[in-house]
Amino acid sequence: MAVTPVMECHTSVDVDLGKVANQLALDSGPLLEWAGATLKVGRLPVVRAGPDEMYSVLQNLVTNAVKFTRPGVHPWVSISARQIPYGWRVSVSDNGIGIPAQRRMDVFTLFSRVDSEFDGHGIGLSTVARTVHSLGGRVGAEEAPGGGAEVWFELPASSDA
């Protein structure tokens, strides 16, 4: 499992990730329809962050999940969360091509790309990592159950959660 280090938190507002993810799902309708993809949004927590930052993080993760599909396989993406000792782990899982184990750490560096067959510049996951680190969290990538990728981030819980 690849993990990046925890950094200091700079933002101090409560953000309902469920509302952010539902707005993203609405906004992503045309992309999902074009790709023939299904997006499932589970129950998500309130975290300490900024709404625009969280939208950007989830948008990058969902867009990557839709982009890196396996030929001939109906793509699906799932956003879920589970409580951890200091906050929440939010996961975006898919049934796409996955991320090779030896690349799971460096995909979060600027201009790093897993597969040159797919369009992109290698900016999305580095943006996710930079944003999450600035909020006092960490990111990582694993193989999703059944194949594909699970990219996760951890953030402190809201003071009210």
N, C-alpha and C. Protein backbone atom coordinates (compact mmCIF):
# COMPACT_ATOMS: atom_id res chain seq x y z
N MET A 1 0.85 -1.17 0.00
CA MET A 1 0.00 0.00 0.00
C MET A 1 0.90 1.24 0.00
N ALA A 2 0.64 2.16 -0.93
CA ALA A 2 1.39 3.40 -1.01
C ALA A 2 0.73 4.45 -0.13
N VAL A 3 1.50 5.18 0.64
CA VAL A 3 0.98 6.21 1.52
C VAL A 3 1.90 7.40 1.44
N THR A 4 1.31 8.59 1.43
CA THR A 4 2.11 9.80 1.46
C THR A 4 2.00 10.41 2.85
N PRO A 5 2.95 11.24 3.24
CA PRO A 5 3.01 11.74 4.61
C PRO A 5 1.90 12.74 4.95
N VAL A 6 1.62 12.85 6.25
CA VAL A 6 0.65 13.81 6.75
C VAL A 6 1.31 15.18 6.83
N MET A 7 0.57 16.21 6.45
CA MET A 7 1.07 17.58 6.55
C MET A 7 0.07 18.42 7.36
N GLU A 8 0.44 19.63 7.68
CA GLU A 8 -0.34 20.52 8.51
C GLU A 8 -1.63 20.97 7.83
N CYS A 9 -2.72 21.10 8.61
CA CYS A 9 -4.02 21.54 8.10
C CYS A 9 -4.09 23.07 8.05
N HIS A 10 -4.61 23.61 6.94
CA HIS A 10 -4.70 25.06 6.78
C HIS A 10 -6.13 25.56 6.67
N THR A 11 -7.10 24.68 6.46
CA THR A 11 -8.48 25.08 6.25
C THR A 11 -9.31 24.65 7.44
N SER A 12 -10.31 25.47 7.79
CA SER A 12 -11.04 25.16 9.02
C SER A 12 -12.55 25.30 8.89
N VAL A 13 -13.12 24.80 7.81
CA VAL A 13 -14.57 24.81 7.68
C VAL A 13 -15.08 23.38 7.55
N ASP A 14 -16.31 23.16 7.96
CA ASP A 14 -16.92 21.84 7.84
C ASP A 14 -17.53 21.70 6.45
N VAL A 15 -17.23 20.58 5.80
CA VAL A 15 -17.73 20.32 4.45
C VAL A 15 -18.43 18.97 4.45
N ASP A 16 -19.67 18.96 4.01
CA ASP A 16 -20.44 17.73 3.88
C ASP A 16 -20.05 17.09 2.54
N LEU A 17 -19.23 16.05 2.63
CA LEU A 17 -18.76 15.39 1.40
C LEU A 17 -19.90 14.75 0.62
N GLY A 18 -20.97 14.37 1.29
CA GLY A 18 -22.12 13.81 0.60
C GLY A 18 -22.72 14.82 -0.36
N LYS A 19 -22.88 16.06 0.11
CA LYS A 19 -23.43 17.11 -0.76
C LYS A 19 -22.48 17.41 -1.91
N VAL A 20 -21.19 17.45 -1.63
CA VAL A 20 -20.20 17.71 -2.67
C VAL A 20 -20.23 16.60 -3.72
N ALA A 21 -20.26 15.35 -3.27
CA ALA A 21 -20.26 14.21 -4.20
C ALA A 21 -21.55 14.16 -5.02
N ASN A 22 -22.67 14.47 -4.41
CA ASN A 22 -23.93 14.48 -5.16
C ASN A 22 -23.94 15.58 -6.22
N GLN A 23 -23.38 16.74 -5.91
CA GLN A 23 -23.27 17.80 -6.92
C GLN A 23 -22.35 17.36 -8.04
N LEU A 24 -21.24 16.73 -7.69
CA LEU A 24 -20.32 16.22 -8.70
C LEU A 24 -21.01 15.19 -9.59
N ALA A 25 -21.81 14.32 -9.00
CA ALA A 25 -22.52 13.31 -9.78
C ALA A 25 -23.46 13.97 -10.79
N LEU A 26 -24.16 15.01 -10.36
CA LEU A 26 -25.03 15.75 -11.28
C LEU A 26 -24.21 16.40 -12.40
N ASP A 27 -23.14 17.07 -12.02
CA ASP A 27 -22.30 17.77 -13.00
C ASP A 27 -21.62 16.81 -13.96
N SER A 28 -21.35 15.59 -13.51
CA SER A 28 -20.63 14.60 -14.32
C SER A 28 -21.54 13.74 -15.18
N GLY A 29 -22.83 13.99 -15.13
CA GLY A 29 -23.79 13.19 -15.89
C GLY A 29 -23.40 12.98 -17.35
N PRO A 30 -23.06 14.04 -18.09
CA PRO A 30 -22.69 13.85 -19.50
C PRO A 30 -21.44 12.96 -19.68
N LEU A 31 -20.44 13.13 -18.84
CA LEU A 31 -19.23 12.30 -18.92
C LEU A 31 -19.57 10.84 -18.64
N LEU A 32 -20.34 10.61 -17.58
CA LEU A 32 -20.70 9.25 -17.21
C LEU A 32 -21.52 8.59 -18.31
N GLU A 33 -22.45 9.35 -18.87
CA GLU A 33 -23.28 8.82 -19.96
C GLU A 33 -22.42 8.50 -21.18
N TRP A 34 -21.52 9.40 -21.54
CA TRP A 34 -20.64 9.19 -22.69
C TRP A 34 -19.79 7.93 -22.51
N ALA A 35 -19.29 7.71 -21.28
CA ALA A 35 -18.44 6.55 -21.00
C ALA A 35 -19.25 5.29 -20.71
N GLY A 36 -20.56 5.44 -20.55
CA GLY A 36 -21.38 4.29 -20.17
C GLY A 36 -21.09 3.83 -18.75
N ALA A 37 -20.65 4.76 -17.91
CA ALA A 37 -20.21 4.43 -16.56
C ALA A 37 -21.33 4.65 -15.53
N THR A 38 -21.24 3.89 -14.47
CA THR A 38 -22.15 4.02 -13.33
C THR A 38 -21.36 4.60 -12.17
N LEU A 39 -21.92 5.61 -11.50
CA LEU A 39 -21.31 6.20 -10.31
C LEU A 39 -22.21 5.96 -9.12
N LYS A 40 -21.65 5.33 -8.09
CA LYS A 40 -22.39 5.09 -6.85
C LYS A 40 -21.76 5.95 -5.76
N VAL A 41 -22.58 6.74 -5.08
CA VAL A 41 -22.10 7.58 -3.98
C VAL A 41 -22.67 7.00 -2.69
N GLY A 42 -21.78 6.54 -1.84
CA GLY A 42 -22.19 6.01 -0.54
C GLY A 42 -22.39 7.12 0.47
N ARG A 43 -22.57 6.71 1.70
CA ARG A 43 -22.74 7.68 2.79
C ARG A 43 -21.37 8.29 3.10
N LEU A 44 -21.30 9.61 3.03
CA LEU A 44 -20.02 10.30 3.22
C LEU A 44 -20.10 11.26 4.41
N PRO A 45 -18.97 11.51 5.04
CA PRO A 45 -18.93 12.30 6.27
C PRO A 45 -18.78 13.81 6.04
N VAL A 46 -18.79 14.51 7.14
CA VAL A 46 -18.41 15.93 7.19
C VAL A 46 -16.94 15.95 7.58
N VAL A 47 -16.13 16.71 6.85
CA VAL A 47 -14.71 16.81 7.13
C VAL A 47 -14.28 18.27 7.21
N ARG A 48 -13.09 18.48 7.74
CA ARG A 48 -12.50 19.82 7.79
C ARG A 48 -11.78 20.06 6.48
N ALA A 49 -12.28 21.00 5.67
CA ALA A 49 -11.70 21.25 4.35
C ALA A 49 -12.36 22.49 3.77
N GLY A 50 -12.29 22.63 2.45
CA GLY A 50 -12.99 23.66 1.72
C GLY A 50 -13.86 22.98 0.67
N PRO A 51 -15.08 23.47 0.43
CA PRO A 51 -15.96 22.81 -0.52
C PRO A 51 -15.37 22.74 -1.94
N ASP A 52 -14.74 23.80 -2.39
CA ASP A 52 -14.14 23.79 -3.73
C ASP A 52 -12.98 22.81 -3.81
N GLU A 53 -12.19 22.75 -2.75
CA GLU A 53 -11.06 21.80 -2.71
C GLU A 53 -11.57 20.37 -2.77
N MET A 54 -12.61 20.08 -2.02
CA MET A 54 -13.14 18.71 -1.99
C MET A 54 -13.80 18.35 -3.33
N TYR A 55 -14.45 19.32 -3.95
CA TYR A 55 -15.03 19.07 -5.28
C TYR A 55 -13.92 18.73 -6.25
N SER A 56 -12.84 19.50 -6.22
CA SER A 56 -11.70 19.26 -7.12
C SER A 56 -11.08 17.89 -6.88
N VAL A 57 -10.90 17.51 -5.63
CA VAL A 57 -10.32 16.21 -5.29
C VAL A 57 -11.21 15.09 -5.84
N LEU A 58 -12.50 15.13 -5.52
CA LEU A 58 -13.40 14.08 -5.98
C LEU A 58 -13.53 14.07 -7.51
N GLN A 59 -13.56 15.25 -8.10
CA GLN A 59 -13.66 15.34 -9.57
C GLN A 59 -12.45 14.69 -10.23
N ASN A 60 -11.26 14.98 -9.74
CA ASN A 60 -10.05 14.36 -10.30
C ASN A 60 -10.09 12.84 -10.16
N LEU A 61 -10.51 12.36 -9.01
CA LEU A 61 -10.53 10.91 -8.78
C LEU A 61 -11.60 10.22 -9.62
N VAL A 62 -12.78 10.81 -9.72
CA VAL A 62 -13.85 10.22 -10.53
C VAL A 62 -13.48 10.27 -12.01
N THR A 63 -12.95 11.38 -12.47
CA THR A 63 -12.55 11.51 -13.88
C THR A 63 -11.49 10.48 -14.23
N ASN A 64 -10.49 10.30 -13.37
CA ASN A 64 -9.47 9.27 -13.62
C ASN A 64 -10.09 7.88 -13.67
N ALA A 65 -11.00 7.60 -12.75
CA ALA A 65 -11.63 6.29 -12.71
C ALA A 65 -12.40 6.01 -14.00
N VAL A 66 -13.06 7.02 -14.52
CA VAL A 66 -13.82 6.86 -15.77
C VAL A 66 -12.86 6.75 -16.97
N LYS A 67 -11.77 7.47 -16.92
CA LYS A 67 -10.82 7.47 -18.04
C LYS A 67 -10.10 6.13 -18.20
N PHE A 68 -9.70 5.52 -17.10
CA PHE A 68 -8.86 4.31 -17.16
C PHE A 68 -9.70 3.04 -17.07
N THR A 69 -10.60 2.88 -18.03
CA THR A 69 -11.47 1.70 -18.06
C THR A 69 -10.81 0.56 -18.82
N ARG A 70 -11.34 -0.64 -18.59
CA ARG A 70 -10.88 -1.82 -19.33
C ARG A 70 -11.79 -2.00 -20.53
N PRO A 71 -11.21 -2.28 -21.69
CA PRO A 71 -12.02 -2.50 -22.88
C PRO A 71 -13.02 -3.64 -22.67
N GLY A 72 -14.25 -3.40 -23.11
CA GLY A 72 -15.27 -4.43 -23.04
C GLY A 72 -15.88 -4.65 -21.68
N VAL A 73 -15.54 -3.83 -20.70
CA VAL A 73 -16.07 -3.98 -19.35
C VAL A 73 -16.90 -2.74 -19.01
N HIS A 74 -18.14 -2.96 -18.53
CA HIS A 74 -18.99 -1.84 -18.13
C HIS A 74 -18.33 -1.13 -16.93
N PRO A 75 -17.92 0.13 -17.10
CA PRO A 75 -17.21 0.82 -16.01
C PRO A 75 -18.13 1.26 -14.88
N TRP A 76 -17.64 1.09 -13.67
CA TRP A 76 -18.34 1.62 -12.51
C TRP A 76 -17.33 2.31 -11.60
N VAL A 77 -17.83 3.29 -10.86
CA VAL A 77 -17.03 4.05 -9.91
C VAL A 77 -17.85 4.16 -8.63
N SER A 78 -17.18 4.00 -7.50
CA SER A 78 -17.86 4.07 -6.21
C SER A 78 -17.10 5.02 -5.29
N ILE A 79 -17.83 5.90 -4.63
CA ILE A 79 -17.25 6.78 -3.61
C ILE A 79 -17.81 6.33 -2.27
N SER A 80 -16.92 5.99 -1.35
CA SER A 80 -17.34 5.51 -0.03
C SER A 80 -16.43 6.08 1.03
N ALA A 81 -16.80 5.87 2.29
CA ALA A 81 -15.98 6.36 3.40
C ALA A 81 -16.11 5.43 4.59
N ARG A 82 -15.06 5.44 5.39
CA ARG A 82 -15.11 4.73 6.66
C ARG A 82 -14.34 5.55 7.69
N GLN A 83 -14.77 5.44 8.93
CA GLN A 83 -14.14 6.19 10.00
C GLN A 83 -12.81 5.53 10.37
N ILE A 84 -11.83 6.37 10.64
CA ILE A 84 -10.52 5.94 11.12
C ILE A 84 -10.28 6.68 12.44
N PRO A 85 -9.24 6.33 13.19
CA PRO A 85 -9.07 6.94 14.52
C PRO A 85 -9.09 8.47 14.56
N TYR A 86 -8.51 9.16 13.58
CA TYR A 86 -8.46 10.62 13.69
C TYR A 86 -9.41 11.32 12.72
N GLY A 87 -10.18 10.57 11.96
CA GLY A 87 -11.07 11.22 11.00
C GLY A 87 -11.74 10.22 10.08
N TRP A 88 -11.53 10.42 8.77
CA TRP A 88 -12.21 9.62 7.77
C TRP A 88 -11.28 9.23 6.63
N ARG A 89 -11.51 8.02 6.11
CA ARG A 89 -10.86 7.60 4.87
C ARG A 89 -11.95 7.55 3.81
N VAL A 90 -11.76 8.34 2.77
CA VAL A 90 -12.69 8.39 1.65
C VAL A 90 -12.01 7.68 0.49
N SER A 91 -12.73 6.73 -0.12
CA SER A 91 -12.18 5.94 -1.21
C SER A 91 -12.98 6.12 -2.48
N VAL A 92 -12.27 6.23 -3.59
CA VAL A 92 -12.89 6.20 -4.91
C VAL A 92 -12.35 4.95 -5.58
N SER A 93 -13.24 3.99 -5.78
CA SER A 93 -12.87 2.69 -6.35
C SER A 93 -13.47 2.54 -7.74
N ASP A 94 -12.81 1.73 -8.56
CA ASP A 94 -13.32 1.47 -9.90
C ASP A 94 -12.97 0.06 -10.34
N ASN A 95 -13.43 -0.32 -11.49
CA ASN A 95 -13.11 -1.63 -12.06
C ASN A 95 -12.29 -1.48 -13.34
N GLY A 96 -11.46 -0.46 -13.37
CA GLY A 96 -10.64 -0.16 -14.55
C GLY A 96 -9.35 -0.95 -14.59
N ILE A 97 -8.34 -0.35 -15.24
CA ILE A 97 -7.07 -1.04 -15.47
C ILE A 97 -6.20 -1.13 -14.22
N GLY A 98 -6.52 -0.34 -13.21
CA GLY A 98 -5.75 -0.38 -11.97
C GLY A 98 -4.44 0.38 -12.07
N ILE A 99 -3.70 0.38 -10.98
CA ILE A 99 -2.39 1.03 -10.89
C ILE A 99 -1.41 -0.05 -10.46
N PRO A 100 -0.37 -0.30 -11.25
CA PRO A 100 0.60 -1.33 -10.87
C PRO A 100 1.18 -1.03 -9.48
N ALA A 101 1.41 -2.08 -8.69
CA ALA A 101 1.89 -1.92 -7.31
C ALA A 101 3.14 -1.04 -7.23
N GLN A 102 4.07 -1.20 -8.16
CA GLN A 102 5.32 -0.44 -8.11
C GLN A 102 5.13 1.04 -8.47
N ARG A 103 3.94 1.42 -8.95
CA ARG A 103 3.68 2.81 -9.33
C ARG A 103 2.74 3.53 -8.36
N ARG A 104 2.25 2.85 -7.36
CA ARG A 104 1.20 3.41 -6.50
C ARG A 104 1.65 4.60 -5.67
N MET A 105 2.92 4.80 -5.49
CA MET A 105 3.40 5.96 -4.76
C MET A 105 3.69 7.12 -5.72
N ASP A 106 4.36 6.83 -6.83
CA ASP A 106 4.78 7.93 -7.70
C ASP A 106 3.66 8.49 -8.56
N VAL A 107 2.47 7.85 -8.62
CA VAL A 107 1.37 8.44 -9.39
C VAL A 107 0.90 9.76 -8.80
N PHE A 108 1.29 10.05 -7.56
CA PHE A 108 0.90 11.29 -6.92
C PHE A 108 1.90 12.42 -7.15
N THR A 109 2.96 12.16 -7.92
CA THR A 109 3.92 13.21 -8.25
C THR A 109 3.54 13.86 -9.58
N LEU A 110 3.85 15.11 -9.72
CA LEU A 110 3.50 15.90 -10.90
C LEU A 110 4.05 15.26 -12.18
N PHE A 111 3.22 15.18 -13.19
CA PHE A 111 3.54 14.66 -14.53
C PHE A 111 3.78 13.16 -14.58
N SER A 112 3.46 12.45 -13.51
CA SER A 112 3.58 10.99 -13.51
C SER A 112 2.33 10.40 -14.14
N ARG A 113 2.53 9.46 -15.06
CA ARG A 113 1.41 8.83 -15.76
C ARG A 113 1.59 7.32 -15.72
N VAL A 114 0.49 6.61 -15.49
CA VAL A 114 0.53 5.15 -15.43
C VAL A 114 0.59 4.55 -16.83
N ASP A 115 -0.16 5.13 -17.77
CA ASP A 115 -0.28 4.53 -19.09
C ASP A 115 -0.33 5.62 -20.14
N SER A 116 0.61 5.62 -21.07
CA SER A 116 0.66 6.67 -22.08
C SER A 116 -0.39 6.49 -23.18
N GLU A 117 -1.12 5.36 -23.16
CA GLU A 117 -2.20 5.16 -24.13
C GLU A 117 -3.36 6.11 -23.88
N PHE A 118 -3.50 6.60 -22.67
CA PHE A 118 -4.62 7.44 -22.29
C PHE A 118 -4.18 8.90 -22.29
N ASP A 119 -5.11 9.78 -22.71
CA ASP A 119 -4.83 11.21 -22.70
C ASP A 119 -4.63 11.70 -21.27
N GLY A 120 -3.84 12.74 -21.13
CA GLY A 120 -3.63 13.35 -19.83
C GLY A 120 -2.20 13.84 -19.70
N HIS A 121 -1.99 14.60 -18.64
CA HIS A 121 -0.67 15.21 -18.42
C HIS A 121 -0.04 14.78 -17.10
N GLY A 122 -0.72 13.97 -16.31
CA GLY A 122 -0.17 13.55 -15.03
C GLY A 122 -0.26 14.63 -13.97
N ILE A 123 -1.34 15.40 -14.02
CA ILE A 123 -1.52 16.50 -13.07
C ILE A 123 -2.59 16.18 -12.03
N GLY A 124 -3.60 15.39 -12.39
CA GLY A 124 -4.76 15.15 -11.53
C GLY A 124 -4.45 14.59 -10.17
N LEU A 125 -3.72 13.48 -10.10
CA LEU A 125 -3.44 12.87 -8.81
C LEU A 125 -2.45 13.69 -7.98
N SER A 126 -1.55 14.42 -8.64
CA SER A 126 -0.65 15.29 -7.88
C SER A 126 -1.43 16.45 -7.27
N THR A 127 -2.45 16.92 -7.97
CA THR A 127 -3.32 17.96 -7.42
C THR A 127 -4.09 17.43 -6.21
N VAL A 128 -4.59 16.21 -6.33
CA VAL A 128 -5.28 15.58 -5.21
C VAL A 128 -4.34 15.50 -4.01
N ALA A 129 -3.13 14.99 -4.22
CA ALA A 129 -2.18 14.84 -3.11
C ALA A 129 -1.84 16.19 -2.48
N ARG A 130 -1.56 17.17 -3.30
CA ARG A 130 -1.20 18.50 -2.78
C ARG A 130 -2.34 19.07 -1.95
N THR A 131 -3.57 18.94 -2.44
CA THR A 131 -4.73 19.47 -1.72
C THR A 131 -4.94 18.74 -0.40
N VAL A 132 -4.92 17.42 -0.44
CA VAL A 132 -5.13 16.63 0.77
C VAL A 132 -4.04 16.90 1.80
N HIS A 133 -2.80 16.97 1.36
CA HIS A 133 -1.69 17.26 2.28
C HIS A 133 -1.89 18.62 2.94
N SER A 134 -2.34 19.61 2.18
CA SER A 134 -2.53 20.95 2.74
C SER A 134 -3.63 20.98 3.79
N LEU A 135 -4.49 19.97 3.78
CA LEU A 135 -5.59 19.88 4.74
C LEU A 135 -5.26 18.98 5.93
N GLY A 136 -4.01 18.55 6.01
CA GLY A 136 -3.60 17.71 7.12
C GLY A 136 -3.85 16.24 6.91
N GLY A 137 -4.06 15.84 5.68
CA GLY A 137 -4.38 14.45 5.40
C GLY A 137 -3.30 13.74 4.62
N ARG A 138 -3.63 12.54 4.16
CA ARG A 138 -2.72 11.74 3.36
C ARG A 138 -3.50 11.00 2.28
N VAL A 139 -2.79 10.51 1.29
CA VAL A 139 -3.41 9.81 0.16
C VAL A 139 -2.68 8.50 -0.09
N GLY A 140 -3.34 7.61 -0.79
CA GLY A 140 -2.72 6.36 -1.17
C GLY A 140 -3.52 5.68 -2.25
N ALA A 141 -2.97 4.61 -2.78
CA ALA A 141 -3.63 3.84 -3.83
C ALA A 141 -3.43 2.36 -3.56
N GLU A 142 -4.44 1.58 -3.86
CA GLU A 142 -4.41 0.14 -3.68
C GLU A 142 -5.15 -0.50 -4.85
N GLU A 143 -5.10 -1.81 -4.90
CA GLU A 143 -5.94 -2.52 -5.85
C GLU A 143 -7.34 -2.61 -5.27
N ALA A 144 -8.34 -2.32 -6.09
CA ALA A 144 -9.72 -2.44 -5.64
C ALA A 144 -10.11 -3.92 -5.59
N PRO A 145 -11.00 -4.29 -4.69
CA PRO A 145 -11.47 -5.68 -4.68
C PRO A 145 -12.03 -6.05 -6.07
N GLY A 146 -11.57 -7.15 -6.60
CA GLY A 146 -12.02 -7.58 -7.93
C GLY A 146 -11.26 -6.94 -9.07
N GLY A 147 -10.23 -6.16 -8.78
CA GLY A 147 -9.45 -5.49 -9.83
C GLY A 147 -9.79 -4.02 -9.90
N GLY A 148 -9.04 -3.29 -10.67
CA GLY A 148 -9.23 -1.84 -10.74
C GLY A 148 -8.40 -1.15 -9.68
N ALA A 149 -8.73 0.10 -9.44
CA ALA A 149 -7.97 0.91 -8.48
C ALA A 149 -8.88 1.42 -7.38
N GLU A 150 -8.29 1.56 -6.21
CA GLU A 150 -8.92 2.27 -5.11
C GLU A 150 -7.95 3.35 -4.69
N VAL A 151 -8.32 4.59 -4.95
CA VAL A 151 -7.51 5.73 -4.53
C VAL A 151 -8.24 6.34 -3.34
N TRP A 152 -7.51 6.53 -2.27
CA TRP A 152 -8.13 7.01 -1.05
C TRP A 152 -7.41 8.25 -0.52
N PHE A 153 -8.16 8.99 0.30
CA PHE A 153 -7.55 10.08 1.05
C PHE A 153 -8.13 10.08 2.44
N GLU A 154 -7.33 10.52 3.39
CA GLU A 154 -7.75 10.59 4.78
C GLU A 154 -7.70 12.04 5.23
N LEU A 155 -8.74 12.45 5.95
CA LEU A 155 -8.82 13.80 6.47
C LEU A 155 -9.34 13.78 7.90
N PRO A 156 -8.96 14.80 8.68
CA PRO A 156 -9.51 14.89 10.04
C PRO A 156 -11.03 15.07 9.97
N ALA A 157 -11.73 14.57 10.98
CA ALA A 157 -13.18 14.72 11.07
C ALA A 157 -13.52 16.16 11.42
N SER A 158 -14.72 16.54 11.15
CA SER A 158 -15.25 17.83 11.57
C SER A 158 -15.27 17.86 13.09
N SER A 159 -15.19 19.03 13.66
CA SER A 159 -15.25 19.16 15.11
C SER A 159 -16.60 18.72 15.65
N ASP A 160 -17.64 18.72 14.80
CA ASP A 160 -18.98 18.32 15.21
C ASP A 160 -19.27 16.86 14.92
N ALA A 161 -18.38 16.17 14.18
CA ALA A 161 -18.68 14.79 13.75
C ALA A 161 -18.42 13.80 14.85
